[in-house]
Amino acid sequence: METQTLTAKQQTIIESIREFIEQEKENPTSYKLQKHLEACGGRDSLKSVMQVIEALEKKDLVKRDKKKKLYLVENNSFANLRNIFSIPVYGLASCGEALAYAEDNVDGFLRISQSLFRKVDSAKLFAVKALGDSMDKNGVNDGDYVIFEKYENGGEELEGKIVVAVINGMATIKKYKKVSDDIIGLFPHSTNTIHQPIFIHSNDSILIAGVFKKVLPVKFVSL
């Protein structure tokens, strides 16, 4: 079967079913799904929601059990082009020594499925291309695209998290750890023992640009 696209309403229903399951830890009935949509600002009637569900059932994307609960069915015959968004790639971020980082210099864009980042605002995501092997124990290898969420100062606890830090205009990917009241450590996590941590005084010029979300390996990608 040729790949087909879904209508906006069909995609909304699919994403809403998935969201309901993630939030409530159970599968919704059509009635509960309509109430969930209503709570999120939707205006579709139960009849309208049912019509979309029946259309999705015919496409083998949704099924109902004996208790009328809704289940999603994986079906590669349908493409969700609305579910794809672009995020900027900001040059190279070192996984060894810190390299030049130009925040305003976008090297390109990655097109990514929203399904990979359901609970993150896509507008806050950006990517850097890793250089080096100092974080390979965390699955970050030379040449991989590493996705970060923009860090809002004070908005998230950083201790023990992988960050991309910009020090005097240069960026590096490391694990954040507060060593003392005055000292911040940026630690490698590598099979290569040559890599050493970076220690920074709290008064030094340092910007935590983003917090790690996902790595997209390029090992098997033809560039």
Protein backbone atom coordinates (compact mmCIF):
# COMPACT_ATOMS: atom_id res chain seq x y z
CA MET A 1 0.00 0.00 0.00
CA GLU A 2 1.28 3.48 -0.80
CA THR A 3 2.04 5.78 2.09
CA GLN A 4 -0.90 8.07 2.81
CA THR A 5 -1.20 11.14 4.99
CA LEU A 6 -3.70 11.60 7.79
CA THR A 7 -6.13 14.49 8.12
CA ALA A 8 -5.53 17.07 10.85
CA LYS A 9 -8.46 15.72 12.90
CA GLN A 10 -7.27 12.14 12.57
CA GLN A 11 -3.79 13.10 13.71
CA THR A 12 -5.23 15.08 16.63
CA ILE A 13 -7.22 12.05 17.77
CA ILE A 14 -4.19 9.77 17.54
CA GLU A 15 -1.99 12.18 19.51
CA SER A 16 -4.75 12.74 22.06
CA ILE A 17 -5.16 8.99 22.64
CA ARG A 18 -1.41 8.70 23.15
CA GLU A 19 -1.37 11.72 25.47
CA PHE A 20 -4.31 10.36 27.52
CA ILE A 21 -2.56 7.00 27.97
CA GLU A 22 0.67 8.70 29.07
CA GLN A 23 -1.11 10.96 31.56
CA GLU A 24 -3.77 8.64 32.95
CA LYS A 25 -1.90 5.32 32.60
CA GLU A 26 -4.97 3.74 31.02
CA ASN A 27 -6.66 3.57 27.63
CA PRO A 28 -9.62 5.93 27.14
CA THR A 29 -13.10 5.17 25.91
CA SER A 30 -14.44 7.43 23.18
CA TYR A 31 -16.40 9.34 25.82
CA LYS A 32 -13.34 9.92 28.03
CA LEU A 33 -11.31 10.93 25.01
CA GLN A 34 -13.92 13.53 24.00
CA LYS A 35 -13.89 14.92 27.55
CA HIS A 36 -10.07 15.02 27.45
CA LEU A 37 -10.20 16.97 24.19
CA GLU A 38 -12.81 19.29 25.66
CA ALA A 39 -10.61 19.96 28.70
CA CYS A 40 -7.79 20.90 26.32
CA GLY A 41 -9.97 23.46 24.55
CA GLY A 42 -11.48 21.24 21.87
CA ARG A 43 -15.04 21.80 20.69
CA ASP A 44 -15.76 18.54 18.87
CA SER A 45 -18.90 16.69 19.91
CA LEU A 46 -18.85 13.03 20.90
CA LYS A 47 -20.46 12.21 17.53
CA SER A 48 -17.69 14.05 15.68
CA VAL A 49 -14.97 12.28 17.68
CA MET A 50 -16.64 8.93 17.03
CA GLN A 51 -16.67 9.59 13.28
CA VAL A 52 -12.92 10.21 13.30
CA ILE A 53 -12.30 7.11 15.42
CA GLU A 54 -14.34 4.97 13.02
CA ALA A 55 -12.30 6.32 10.10
CA LEU A 56 -9.09 5.44 11.96
CA GLU A 57 -10.43 1.96 12.67
CA LYS A 58 -10.97 1.44 8.93
CA LYS A 59 -7.34 2.41 8.39
CA ASP A 60 -6.23 -0.07 11.09
CA LEU A 61 -4.71 2.69 13.19
CA VAL A 62 -7.09 2.41 16.15
CA LYS A 63 -8.96 -0.51 17.66
CA ARG A 64 -11.48 -0.93 20.49
CA ASP A 65 -11.74 -3.80 22.94
CA LYS A 66 -14.88 -5.32 24.46
CA LYS A 67 -15.03 -2.48 27.01
CA LYS A 68 -14.86 0.09 24.20
CA LYS A 69 -11.38 1.23 25.26
CA LEU A 70 -9.21 2.67 22.50
CA TYR A 71 -5.84 1.28 21.48
CA LEU A 72 -3.34 2.58 18.95
CA VAL A 73 -2.13 0.26 16.22
CA GLU A 74 1.24 0.74 14.54
CA ASN A 75 0.76 1.02 10.80
CA ASN A 76 3.59 2.10 8.52
CA SER A 77 1.24 2.68 5.60
CA PHE A 78 0.39 6.14 6.87
CA ALA A 79 2.77 9.06 7.14
CA ASN A 80 2.35 11.91 9.58
CA LEU A 81 3.95 14.87 7.85
CA ARG A 82 2.39 17.32 10.31
CA ASN A 83 4.29 15.55 13.07
CA ILE A 84 7.67 16.60 11.64
CA PHE A 85 9.37 19.79 12.79
CA SER A 86 12.77 21.40 12.27
CA ILE A 87 15.34 22.34 14.90
CA PRO A 88 18.53 24.37 14.34
CA VAL A 89 22.00 22.83 14.41
CA TYR A 90 24.58 25.08 16.05
CA GLY A 91 27.99 24.00 14.79
CA LEU A 92 30.28 21.66 16.73
CA ALA A 93 30.28 21.13 20.49
CA SER A 94 33.32 19.35 21.76
CA CYS A 95 33.27 16.15 23.74
CA GLY A 96 36.94 16.77 24.48
CA GLU A 97 38.44 20.24 24.57
CA ALA A 98 36.07 23.18 24.21
CA LEU A 99 35.82 24.52 20.64
CA ALA A 100 34.50 27.72 19.14
CA TYR A 101 30.75 28.05 19.42
CA ALA A 102 28.81 30.68 17.53
CA GLU A 103 25.33 30.84 19.03
CA ASP A 104 23.92 32.84 16.13
CA ASN A 105 25.56 30.71 13.46
CA VAL A 106 23.08 28.04 12.37
CA ASP A 107 24.78 25.33 10.33
CA GLY A 108 21.52 23.80 9.19
CA PHE A 109 18.35 22.15 10.44
CA LEU A 110 17.33 18.65 11.51
CA ARG A 111 13.84 17.39 10.71
CA ILE A 112 12.54 15.37 13.63
CA SER A 113 9.33 13.60 14.58
CA GLN A 114 7.36 15.21 17.39
CA SER A 115 6.78 11.69 18.68
CA LEU A 116 10.40 11.65 19.87
CA PHE A 117 9.81 14.68 22.09
CA ARG A 118 6.21 14.55 23.29
CA LYS A 119 6.62 16.54 26.50
CA VAL A 120 9.06 19.16 25.25
CA ASP A 121 8.31 22.44 23.50
CA SER A 122 9.90 21.95 20.07
CA ALA A 123 10.73 25.67 19.96
CA LYS A 124 13.16 25.12 22.85
CA LEU A 125 15.09 22.32 21.15
CA PHE A 126 18.38 22.67 19.30
CA ALA A 127 21.11 20.32 18.15
CA VAL A 128 24.87 20.31 18.11
CA LYS A 129 27.18 17.88 16.38
CA ALA A 130 29.43 16.11 18.85
CA LEU A 131 33.16 16.09 18.31
CA GLY A 132 35.29 13.64 20.27
CA ASP A 133 34.66 10.69 22.56
CA SER A 134 34.66 12.10 26.09
CA MET A 135 30.95 11.23 26.56
CA ASP A 136 30.87 7.87 24.80
CA LYS A 137 29.78 6.02 27.96
CA ASN A 138 26.54 7.96 27.64
CA GLY A 139 26.14 6.93 24.01
CA VAL A 140 27.44 10.22 22.60
CA ASN A 141 29.99 9.44 19.92
CA ASP A 142 32.04 11.47 17.49
CA GLY A 143 29.80 12.92 14.77
CA ASP A 144 26.47 12.24 16.51
CA TYR A 145 23.74 14.84 16.65
CA VAL A 146 22.96 15.67 20.27
CA ILE A 147 19.59 17.26 21.04
CA PHE A 148 19.33 19.73 23.91
CA GLU A 149 16.51 21.73 25.46
CA LYS A 150 17.36 25.38 26.01
CA TYR A 151 18.16 25.96 29.65
CA GLU A 152 16.34 28.72 31.46
CA ASN A 153 18.42 29.87 34.40
CA GLY A 154 17.04 28.44 37.60
CA GLY A 155 14.33 26.56 35.79
CA GLU A 156 15.78 23.09 36.24
CA GLU A 157 18.10 21.27 38.60
CA LEU A 158 21.33 20.56 36.73
CA GLU A 159 23.18 18.34 39.16
CA GLY A 160 24.30 15.13 37.46
CA LYS A 161 22.82 16.05 34.08
CA ILE A 162 24.55 16.23 30.72
CA VAL A 163 24.71 19.81 29.49
CA VAL A 164 26.23 21.83 26.70
CA ALA A 165 28.19 24.57 28.44
CA VAL A 166 29.57 27.68 26.78
CA ILE A 167 32.73 28.95 28.44
CA ASN A 168 34.12 32.25 27.16
CA GLY A 169 32.40 31.72 23.83
CA MET A 170 33.40 28.05 23.48
CA ALA A 171 31.14 25.04 23.97
CA THR A 172 31.60 21.58 25.40
CA ILE A 173 29.33 18.64 26.28
CA LYS A 174 29.89 17.34 29.80
CA LYS A 175 28.14 16.15 32.95
CA TYR A 176 27.39 18.97 35.39
CA LYS A 177 28.33 18.63 39.05
CA LYS A 178 28.60 21.23 41.80
CA VAL A 179 31.85 20.42 43.60
CA SER A 180 31.49 23.11 46.28
CA ASP A 181 29.73 26.44 46.82
CA ASP A 182 32.28 28.13 44.55
CA ILE A 183 33.30 25.39 42.12
CA ILE A 184 31.41 23.81 39.24
CA GLY A 185 32.79 20.67 37.62
CA LEU A 186 32.12 19.57 34.05
CA PHE A 187 32.96 15.89 33.93
CA PRO A 188 33.62 13.53 30.99
CA HIS A 189 32.20 10.02 30.97
CA SER A 190 34.47 8.17 28.60
CA THR A 191 36.22 4.91 27.84
CA ASN A 192 39.18 7.10 26.87
CA THR A 193 41.12 7.95 30.05
CA ILE A 194 42.83 10.93 28.42
CA HIS A 195 39.81 13.14 29.11
CA GLN A 196 39.83 15.20 32.31
CA PRO A 197 37.15 17.31 34.02
CA ILE A 198 36.91 21.07 33.67
CA PHE A 199 36.69 23.03 36.92
CA ILE A 200 35.13 26.48 36.89
CA HIS A 201 34.69 29.09 39.60
CA SER A 202 31.15 30.30 40.09
CA ASN A 203 32.29 33.83 39.13
CA ASP A 204 33.70 32.68 35.79
CA SER A 205 31.91 33.39 32.54
CA ILE A 206 29.87 30.24 31.91
CA LEU A 207 26.55 29.71 30.17
CA ILE A 208 24.59 26.46 30.39
CA ALA A 209 23.05 26.64 26.93
CA GLY A 210 21.03 23.44 27.12
CA VAL A 211 20.18 20.22 28.94
CA PHE A 212 20.58 16.87 27.18
CA LYS A 213 17.44 15.24 25.77
CA LYS A 214 18.49 12.68 23.18
CA VAL A 215 21.34 11.56 20.96
CA LEU A 216 20.75 10.76 17.29
CA PRO A 217 23.59 8.49 16.13
CA VAL A 218 24.95 9.01 12.63
CA LYS A 219 27.08 5.86 12.54
CA PHE A 220 24.91 4.27 9.87
CA VAL A 221 23.84 7.43 8.11
CA SER A 222 25.31 8.27 4.71
CA LEU A 223 26.30 11.92 4.89
